[in-house]
Amino acid sequence: MYTLDMDGGPFHELLSCGEAAKIWMIDSSAIRKAIATGRLKPGEDCCKFGKQWVVTVSAMSREFKGGYGMWHINLARLRNARRAQEGRG
């Protein structure tokens, strides 16, 4: 079983927009709109790596009102399901 260690590390609070959208049960376009309108501030709340935006959990909680309670457990489930689909699980 794949486990995700979310304690510590410089990237422990970063999520891709796709992951954040699934965890908060919103469309990823809502996240992109929040970035475009300045609700999520690049360099502080989010950052673009190539074509991919990543957002912080704290910014998502602030702007989208908490979302899914235990985000780290839901993120681990999401990533485990993806690994299983890819045949790596």
C-alpha atoms as a PDB file:
ATOM      1  CA  MET A   1       0.000   0.000   0.000  1.00  0.00           C
ATOM      2  CA  TYR A   2       1.276   3.439  -0.928  1.00  0.00           C
ATOM      3  CA  THR A   3       1.308   5.939   1.907  1.00  0.00           C
ATOM      4  CA  LEU A   4       1.801   9.651   1.645  1.00  0.00           C
ATOM      5  CA  ASP A   5       3.881  11.405   4.285  1.00  0.00           C
ATOM      6  CA  MET A   6       2.412  14.882   4.580  1.00  0.00           C
ATOM      7  CA  ASP A   7       4.489  15.901   7.610  1.00  0.00           C
ATOM      8  CA  GLY A   8       7.192  18.445   6.889  1.00  0.00           C
ATOM      9  CA  GLY A   9       9.102  19.186   3.747  1.00  0.00           C
ATOM     10  CA  PRO A  10       8.900  22.354   1.687  1.00  0.00           C
ATOM     11  CA  PHE A  11       6.092  21.085  -0.562  1.00  0.00           C
ATOM     12  CA  HIS A  12       3.819  19.349   1.941  1.00  0.00           C
ATOM     13  CA  GLU A  13       1.078  21.947   1.475  1.00  0.00           C
ATOM     14  CA  LEU A  14       1.117  22.200  -2.340  1.00  0.00           C
ATOM     15  CA  LEU A  15      -1.601  20.681  -4.515  1.00  0.00           C
ATOM     16  CA  SER A  16      -2.102  20.701  -8.251  1.00  0.00           C
ATOM     17  CA  CYS A  17      -5.250  22.506  -9.359  1.00  0.00           C
ATOM     18  CA  GLY A  18      -6.729  19.148 -10.375  1.00  0.00           C
ATOM     19  CA  GLU A  19      -6.062  17.618  -6.962  1.00  0.00           C
ATOM     20  CA  ALA A  20      -7.408  20.687  -5.161  1.00  0.00           C
ATOM     21  CA  ALA A  21     -10.540  20.734  -7.318  1.00  0.00           C
ATOM     22  CA  LYS A  22     -11.281  17.079  -6.525  1.00  0.00           C
ATOM     23  CA  ILE A  23     -10.633  17.495  -2.806  1.00  0.00           C
ATOM     24  CA  TRP A  24     -12.748  20.667  -2.527  1.00  0.00           C
ATOM     25  CA  MET A  25     -15.352  19.241  -4.949  1.00  0.00           C
ATOM     26  CA  ILE A  26     -15.241  22.251  -7.277  1.00  0.00           C
ATOM     27  CA  ASP A  27     -14.344  22.687 -10.926  1.00  0.00           C
ATOM     28  CA  SER A  28     -10.697  23.480 -11.628  1.00  0.00           C
ATOM     29  CA  SER A  29     -11.859  26.505 -13.642  1.00  0.00           C
ATOM     30  CA  ALA A  30     -12.966  28.084 -10.332  1.00  0.00           C
ATOM     31  CA  ILE A  31      -9.379  27.873  -9.114  1.00  0.00           C
ATOM     32  CA  ARG A  32      -8.005  29.337 -12.353  1.00  0.00           C
ATOM     33  CA  LYS A  33     -10.582  32.154 -12.122  1.00  0.00           C
ATOM     34  CA  ALA A  34      -9.521  32.854  -8.525  1.00  0.00           C
ATOM     35  CA  ILE A  35      -5.924  33.161  -9.758  1.00  0.00           C
ATOM     36  CA  ALA A  36      -6.913  35.392 -12.703  1.00  0.00           C
ATOM     37  CA  THR A  37      -8.973  37.726 -10.505  1.00  0.00           C
ATOM     38  CA  GLY A  38      -6.313  37.982  -7.797  1.00  0.00           C
ATOM     39  CA  ARG A  39      -8.131  36.100  -5.043  1.00  0.00           C
ATOM     40  CA  LEU A  40      -5.237  33.621  -5.141  1.00  0.00           C
ATOM     41  CA  LYS A  41      -1.989  35.561  -5.387  1.00  0.00           C
ATOM     42  CA  PRO A  42       0.839  34.132  -7.516  1.00  0.00           C
ATOM     43  CA  GLY A  43       4.028  33.762  -5.484  1.00  0.00           C
ATOM     44  CA  GLU A  44       2.082  33.651  -2.235  1.00  0.00           C
ATOM     45  CA  ASP A  45      -0.950  31.389  -2.643  1.00  0.00           C
ATOM     46  CA  CYS A  46      -0.035  29.696  -5.904  1.00  0.00           C
ATOM     47  CA  CYS A  47       2.752  29.229  -8.403  1.00  0.00           C
ATOM     48  CA  LYS A  48       2.962  28.152 -12.026  1.00  0.00           C
ATOM     49  CA  PHE A  49       5.383  25.392 -12.997  1.00  0.00           C
ATOM     50  CA  GLY A  50       5.414  25.221 -16.790  1.00  0.00           C
ATOM     51  CA  LYS A  51       1.736  24.900 -17.707  1.00  0.00           C
ATOM     52  CA  GLN A  52       0.671  23.587 -14.290  1.00  0.00           C
ATOM     53  CA  TRP A  53      -0.578  25.766 -11.433  1.00  0.00           C
ATOM     54  CA  VAL A  54      -0.103  24.566  -7.856  1.00  0.00           C
ATOM     55  CA  VAL A  55      -1.936  26.053  -4.896  1.00  0.00           C
ATOM     56  CA  THR A  56      -1.434  25.959  -1.151  1.00  0.00           C
ATOM     57  CA  VAL A  57      -3.865  24.169   1.102  1.00  0.00           C
ATOM     58  CA  SER A  58      -4.166  27.246   3.330  1.00  0.00           C
ATOM     59  CA  ALA A  59      -5.164  29.428   0.371  1.00  0.00           C
ATOM     60  CA  MET A  60      -7.732  26.868  -0.771  1.00  0.00           C
ATOM     61  CA  SER A  61      -9.173  26.673   2.735  1.00  0.00           C
ATOM     62  CA  ARG A  62      -9.323  30.459   2.956  1.00  0.00           C
ATOM     63  CA  GLU A  63     -10.888  31.082  -0.455  1.00  0.00           C
ATOM     64  CA  PHE A  64     -13.106  28.023  -0.743  1.00  0.00           C
ATOM     65  CA  LYS A  65     -14.169  27.813   2.912  1.00  0.00           C
ATOM     66  CA  GLY A  66     -12.528  24.760   4.331  1.00  0.00           C
ATOM     67  CA  GLY A  67     -13.446  22.260   1.685  1.00  0.00           C
ATOM     68  CA  TYR A  68     -13.016  18.627   2.543  1.00  0.00           C
ATOM     69  CA  GLY A  69     -12.126  18.357   6.220  1.00  0.00           C
ATOM     70  CA  MET A  70      -9.101  16.098   6.360  1.00  0.00           C
ATOM     71  CA  TRP A  71      -7.517  17.121   3.055  1.00  0.00           C
ATOM     72  CA  HIS A  72      -4.329  15.121   3.535  1.00  0.00           C
ATOM     73  CA  ILE A  73      -6.245  11.840   3.875  1.00  0.00           C
ATOM     74  CA  ASN A  74      -8.321  12.650   0.803  1.00  0.00           C
ATOM     75  CA  LEU A  75      -5.172  13.568  -1.123  1.00  0.00           C
ATOM     76  CA  ALA A  76      -3.559  10.256  -0.179  1.00  0.00           C
ATOM     77  CA  ARG A  77      -6.674   8.389  -1.356  1.00  0.00           C
ATOM     78  CA  LEU A  78      -6.711  10.344  -4.609  1.00  0.00           C
ATOM     79  CA  ARG A  79      -3.048   9.640  -5.306  1.00  0.00           C
ATOM     80  CA  ASN A  80      -3.382   5.968  -4.314  1.00  0.00           C
ATOM     81  CA  ALA A  81      -6.316   5.563  -6.716  1.00  0.00           C
ATOM     82  CA  ARG A  82      -4.300   7.174  -9.510  1.00  0.00           C
ATOM     83  CA  ARG A  83      -1.366   4.842  -8.850  1.00  0.00           C
ATOM     84  CA  ALA A  84      -3.703   1.815  -8.886  1.00  0.00           C
ATOM     85  CA  GLN A  85      -5.188   2.933 -12.215  1.00  0.00           C
ATOM     86  CA  GLU A  86      -1.701   3.235 -13.662  1.00  0.00           C
ATOM     87  CA  GLY A  87      -0.881  -0.274 -12.450  1.00  0.00           C
ATOM     88  CA  ARG A  88       1.707   0.915  -9.904  1.00  0.00           C
ATOM     89  CA  GLY A  89      -0.375   0.389  -6.814  1.00  0.00           C
END
